[in-house]
Amino acid sequence: MYQGDLHSPRLLDGPGYSMARITGTLTTVNRLGELERAIMDVLWETDSSLTVREVSARLTERNLAHTTVMTVLDRLAKKGFAKRQRDGRAWRYCPAATRETYVTELMLTALDQTGDRTAALTRFAQSVSGVEADVLRDALDVFEGGGEGDEGSG
């Protein structure tokens, strides 16, 4: 799976789709559409960059035209969700950040939209399972101790 830099101050970047933590402020994080999400899932689930044809081949539940997948991948790259590089005549695509980074930024954006962050965090903590609560406690222990945790495992 793709392992991006979780500590980068600029997590995802693109016109109108920037995800950045700069001096405590968060710019907008847009949700992925259904097809964008399916394509990003393919990218997130592999260790290597993929061509449009390779992405299409892995979208087994969908019967999409090659040009449709190419257009969506191009848009994901322009929005900053995917990175691309030339490989002969083809483009190869990989995620710009991990799935966990994307989901984290969505959660932080939602938290920023509440009028009462404490109430929202409390309600969230009450809604997680016991195992998830343990994971949160462990993450806070690492954070408060200044140590490095095992990012993305679990």
C-alpha atoms as a PDB file:
ATOM      1  CA  MET A   1       0.000   0.000   0.000  1.00  0.00           C
ATOM      2  CA  TYR A   2       1.052   3.584  -0.591  1.00  0.00           C
ATOM      3  CA  GLN A   3       2.896   5.075   2.383  1.00  0.00           C
ATOM      4  CA  GLY A   4       2.980   8.855   2.032  1.00  0.00           C
ATOM      5  CA  ASP A   5       4.512  11.422   4.325  1.00  0.00           C
ATOM      6  CA  LEU A   6       2.008  11.798   7.149  1.00  0.00           C
ATOM      7  CA  HIS A   7       3.969  14.613   8.753  1.00  0.00           C
ATOM      8  CA  SER A   8       4.132  16.885   5.717  1.00  0.00           C
ATOM      9  CA  PRO A   9       2.578  20.317   6.338  1.00  0.00           C
ATOM     10  CA  ARG A  10       1.096  20.165   2.838  1.00  0.00           C
ATOM     11  CA  LEU A  11      -0.815  16.921   2.515  1.00  0.00           C
ATOM     12  CA  LEU A  12      -2.790  17.292  -0.685  1.00  0.00           C
ATOM     13  CA  ASP A  13      -2.723  20.242  -2.998  1.00  0.00           C
ATOM     14  CA  GLY A  14      -4.543  21.360  -6.116  1.00  0.00           C
ATOM     15  CA  PRO A  15      -6.714  24.221  -7.355  1.00  0.00           C
ATOM     16  CA  GLY A  16      -9.601  24.551  -4.906  1.00  0.00           C
ATOM     17  CA  TYR A  17      -8.828  21.184  -3.332  1.00  0.00           C
ATOM     18  CA  SER A  18      -5.970  22.039  -1.030  1.00  0.00           C
ATOM     19  CA  MET A  19      -5.421  20.127   2.166  1.00  0.00           C
ATOM     20  CA  ALA A  20      -2.879  21.931   4.264  1.00  0.00           C
ATOM     21  CA  ARG A  21      -2.090  22.591   7.885  1.00  0.00           C
ATOM     22  CA  ILE A  22      -0.500  26.011   8.014  1.00  0.00           C
ATOM     23  CA  THR A  23      -0.341  27.841  11.343  1.00  0.00           C
ATOM     24  CA  GLY A  24      -3.340  25.939  12.674  1.00  0.00           C
ATOM     25  CA  THR A  25      -5.675  26.680   9.779  1.00  0.00           C
ATOM     26  CA  LEU A  26      -7.121  24.120   7.427  1.00  0.00           C
ATOM     27  CA  THR A  27      -8.178  24.950   3.913  1.00  0.00           C
ATOM     28  CA  THR A  28     -11.091  23.126   2.328  1.00  0.00           C
ATOM     29  CA  VAL A  29     -11.007  19.398   1.798  1.00  0.00           C
ATOM     30  CA  ASN A  30     -13.405  18.196  -0.828  1.00  0.00           C
ATOM     31  CA  ARG A  31     -14.930  14.790  -0.695  1.00  0.00           C
ATOM     32  CA  LEU A  32     -14.266  12.442  -3.532  1.00  0.00           C
ATOM     33  CA  GLY A  33     -17.144  11.522  -5.805  1.00  0.00           C
ATOM     34  CA  GLU A  34     -18.150   7.861  -6.117  1.00  0.00           C
ATOM     35  CA  LEU A  35     -16.050   7.187  -9.240  1.00  0.00           C
ATOM     36  CA  GLU A  36     -13.122   9.248  -7.934  1.00  0.00           C
ATOM     37  CA  ARG A  37     -13.213   7.243  -4.710  1.00  0.00           C
ATOM     38  CA  ALA A  38     -13.278   3.924  -6.569  1.00  0.00           C
ATOM     39  CA  ILE A  39     -10.250   4.979  -8.605  1.00  0.00           C
ATOM     40  CA  MET A  40      -8.402   6.295  -5.546  1.00  0.00           C
ATOM     41  CA  ASP A  41      -9.131   2.969  -3.799  1.00  0.00           C
ATOM     42  CA  VAL A  42      -7.317   1.210  -6.663  1.00  0.00           C
ATOM     43  CA  LEU A  43      -4.342   3.576  -6.308  1.00  0.00           C
ATOM     44  CA  TRP A  44      -4.265   3.257  -2.513  1.00  0.00           C
ATOM     45  CA  GLU A  45      -4.299  -0.542  -2.690  1.00  0.00           C
ATOM     46  CA  THR A  46      -1.074  -0.875  -4.679  1.00  0.00           C
ATOM     47  CA  ASP A  47       2.587  -0.244  -3.954  1.00  0.00           C
ATOM     48  CA  SER A  48       3.435   0.964  -7.456  1.00  0.00           C
ATOM     49  CA  SER A  49       2.185   3.628  -9.816  1.00  0.00           C
ATOM     50  CA  LEU A  50      -0.349   2.466 -12.387  1.00  0.00           C
ATOM     51  CA  THR A  51      -1.230   3.333 -15.967  1.00  0.00           C
ATOM     52  CA  VAL A  52      -4.797   4.155 -16.982  1.00  0.00           C
ATOM     53  CA  ARG A  53      -5.166   0.651 -18.444  1.00  0.00           C
ATOM     54  CA  GLU A  54      -3.959  -0.945 -15.215  1.00  0.00           C
ATOM     55  CA  VAL A  55      -6.421   1.118 -13.171  1.00  0.00           C
ATOM     56  CA  SER A  56      -9.241   0.208 -15.583  1.00  0.00           C
ATOM     57  CA  ALA A  57      -8.402  -3.490 -15.297  1.00  0.00           C
ATOM     58  CA  ARG A  58      -8.687  -3.320 -11.505  1.00  0.00           C
ATOM     59  CA  LEU A  59     -12.118  -1.657 -11.575  1.00  0.00           C
ATOM     60  CA  THR A  60     -13.774  -5.050 -12.014  1.00  0.00           C
ATOM     61  CA  GLU A  61     -17.284  -4.065 -10.876  1.00  0.00           C
ATOM     62  CA  ARG A  62     -17.509  -1.275 -13.435  1.00  0.00           C
ATOM     63  CA  ASN A  63     -17.580  -1.310 -17.202  1.00  0.00           C
ATOM     64  CA  LEU A  64     -15.919   2.042 -17.863  1.00  0.00           C
ATOM     65  CA  ALA A  65     -14.486   3.384 -21.067  1.00  0.00           C
ATOM     66  CA  HIS A  66     -10.727   3.888 -21.108  1.00  0.00           C
ATOM     67  CA  THR A  67     -11.293   7.602 -21.760  1.00  0.00           C
ATOM     68  CA  THR A  68     -13.523   7.902 -18.683  1.00  0.00           C
ATOM     69  CA  VAL A  69     -10.837   6.473 -16.402  1.00  0.00           C
ATOM     70  CA  MET A  70      -8.230   8.665 -18.100  1.00  0.00           C
ATOM     71  CA  THR A  71     -10.355  11.788 -17.537  1.00  0.00           C
ATOM     72  CA  VAL A  72     -10.998  10.987 -13.869  1.00  0.00           C
ATOM     73  CA  LEU A  73      -7.300  10.267 -13.230  1.00  0.00           C
ATOM     74  CA  ASP A  74      -6.352  13.532 -14.944  1.00  0.00           C
ATOM     75  CA  ARG A  75      -8.843  15.424 -12.739  1.00  0.00           C
ATOM     76  CA  LEU A  76      -7.573  13.683  -9.602  1.00  0.00           C
ATOM     77  CA  ALA A  77      -4.046  14.757 -10.516  1.00  0.00           C
ATOM     78  CA  LYS A  78      -5.158  18.353 -11.131  1.00  0.00           C
ATOM     79  CA  LYS A  79      -7.018  18.384  -7.804  1.00  0.00           C
ATOM     80  CA  GLY A  80      -3.917  17.116  -6.017  1.00  0.00           C
ATOM     81  CA  PHE A  81      -5.253  13.733  -4.952  1.00  0.00           C
ATOM     82  CA  ALA A  82      -2.999  11.803  -7.346  1.00  0.00           C
ATOM     83  CA  LYS A  83       0.494  12.346  -8.711  1.00  0.00           C
ATOM     84  CA  ARG A  84       1.492  11.357 -12.203  1.00  0.00           C
ATOM     85  CA  GLN A  85       4.684  10.856 -14.151  1.00  0.00           C
ATOM     86  CA  ARG A  86       5.431  10.080 -17.778  1.00  0.00           C
ATOM     87  CA  ASP A  87       6.342   6.529 -18.726  1.00  0.00           C
ATOM     88  CA  GLY A  88       6.953   6.587 -22.473  1.00  0.00           C
ATOM     89  CA  ARG A  89       3.683   7.665 -24.046  1.00  0.00           C
ATOM     90  CA  ALA A  90       1.613   6.776 -20.987  1.00  0.00           C
ATOM     91  CA  TRP A  91       1.099   8.437 -17.614  1.00  0.00           C
ATOM     92  CA  ARG A  92       1.619   6.475 -14.403  1.00  0.00           C
ATOM     93  CA  TYR A  93      -0.492   7.492 -11.388  1.00  0.00           C
ATOM     94  CA  CYS A  94      -0.050   7.081  -7.639  1.00  0.00           C
ATOM     95  CA  PRO A  95      -1.773   8.666  -4.628  1.00  0.00           C
ATOM     96  CA  ALA A  96      -0.503  12.050  -3.451  1.00  0.00           C
ATOM     97  CA  ALA A  97      -1.119  10.980   0.172  1.00  0.00           C
ATOM     98  CA  THR A  98      -2.337   7.941   2.083  1.00  0.00           C
ATOM     99  CA  ARG A  99      -5.995   7.065   2.499  1.00  0.00           C
ATOM    100  CA  GLU A 100      -5.532   7.677   6.231  1.00  0.00           C
ATOM    101  CA  THR A 101      -4.234  11.184   5.583  1.00  0.00           C
ATOM    102  CA  TYR A 102      -7.244  11.958   3.393  1.00  0.00           C
ATOM    103  CA  VAL A 103      -9.720  10.605   5.960  1.00  0.00           C
ATOM    104  CA  THR A 104      -7.926  12.454   8.772  1.00  0.00           C
ATOM    105  CA  GLU A 105      -8.258  15.735   6.918  1.00  0.00           C
ATOM    106  CA  LEU A 106     -11.959  15.061   6.251  1.00  0.00           C
ATOM    107  CA  MET A 107     -12.469  14.466   9.971  1.00  0.00           C
ATOM    108  CA  LEU A 108     -10.571  17.640  10.886  1.00  0.00           C
ATOM    109  CA  THR A 109     -12.561  19.656   8.355  1.00  0.00           C
ATOM    110  CA  ALA A 110     -15.803  18.355   9.877  1.00  0.00           C
ATOM    111  CA  LEU A 111     -14.514  19.224  13.349  1.00  0.00           C
ATOM    112  CA  ASP A 112     -13.649  22.747  12.179  1.00  0.00           C
ATOM    113  CA  GLN A 113     -17.267  23.196  11.075  1.00  0.00           C
ATOM    114  CA  THR A 114     -18.751  22.601  14.513  1.00  0.00           C
ATOM    115  CA  GLY A 115     -19.498  25.419  16.883  1.00  0.00           C
ATOM    116  CA  ASP A 116     -18.380  23.360  19.860  1.00  0.00           C
ATOM    117  CA  ARG A 117     -15.280  21.260  19.219  1.00  0.00           C
ATOM    118  CA  THR A 118     -15.300  19.855  22.766  1.00  0.00           C
ATOM    119  CA  ALA A 119     -18.874  18.599  22.423  1.00  0.00           C
ATOM    120  CA  ALA A 120     -18.142  17.112  18.998  1.00  0.00           C
ATOM    121  CA  LEU A 121     -14.998  15.350  20.237  1.00  0.00           C
ATOM    122  CA  THR A 122     -16.829  14.074  23.320  1.00  0.00           C
ATOM    123  CA  ARG A 123     -19.684  12.722  21.194  1.00  0.00           C
ATOM    124  CA  PHE A 124     -17.194  11.103  18.828  1.00  0.00           C
ATOM    125  CA  ALA A 125     -15.320   9.468  21.730  1.00  0.00           C
ATOM    126  CA  GLN A 126     -18.624   8.088  23.057  1.00  0.00           C
ATOM    127  CA  SER A 127     -19.472   6.566  19.677  1.00  0.00           C
ATOM    128  CA  VAL A 128     -16.305   4.531  19.074  1.00  0.00           C
ATOM    129  CA  SER A 129     -15.863   0.890  20.059  1.00  0.00           C
ATOM    130  CA  GLY A 130     -13.727  -0.175  23.004  1.00  0.00           C
ATOM    131  CA  VAL A 131     -10.896  -1.232  20.688  1.00  0.00           C
ATOM    132  CA  GLU A 132     -11.054   2.110  18.846  1.00  0.00           C
ATOM    133  CA  ALA A 133     -11.009   3.951  22.184  1.00  0.00           C
ATOM    134  CA  ASP A 134      -7.859   2.012  23.117  1.00  0.00           C
ATOM    135  CA  VAL A 135      -6.253   3.036  19.817  1.00  0.00           C
ATOM    136  CA  LEU A 136      -7.132   6.688  20.521  1.00  0.00           C
ATOM    137  CA  ARG A 137      -5.699   6.444  24.050  1.00  0.00           C
ATOM    138  CA  ASP A 138      -2.480   4.910  22.711  1.00  0.00           C
ATOM    139  CA  ALA A 139      -2.181   7.609  20.051  1.00  0.00           C
ATOM    140  CA  LEU A 140      -2.679  10.341  22.655  1.00  0.00           C
ATOM    141  CA  ASP A 141      -0.089   8.709  24.924  1.00  0.00           C
ATOM    142  CA  VAL A 142       2.431   8.745  22.077  1.00  0.00           C
ATOM    143  CA  PHE A 143       1.539  12.336  21.188  1.00  0.00           C
ATOM    144  CA  GLU A 144       1.787  13.557  24.785  1.00  0.00           C
ATOM    145  CA  GLY A 145       5.040  11.655  25.286  1.00  0.00           C
ATOM    146  CA  GLY A 146       6.536  13.226  22.175  1.00  0.00           C
ATOM    147  CA  GLY A 147       7.299   9.779  20.799  1.00  0.00           C
ATOM    148  CA  GLU A 148       6.772   8.382  17.342  1.00  0.00           C
ATOM    149  CA  GLY A 149       3.865   5.996  16.860  1.00  0.00           C
ATOM    150  CA  ASP A 150       3.325   3.369  14.199  1.00  0.00           C
ATOM    151  CA  GLU A 151       1.407   5.480  11.691  1.00  0.00           C
ATOM    152  CA  GLY A 152      -1.266   3.786   9.636  1.00  0.00           C
ATOM    153  CA  SER A 153      -1.189   0.389  11.325  1.00  0.00           C
ATOM    154  CA  GLY A 154      -4.147  -1.290  12.860  1.00  0.00           C
END
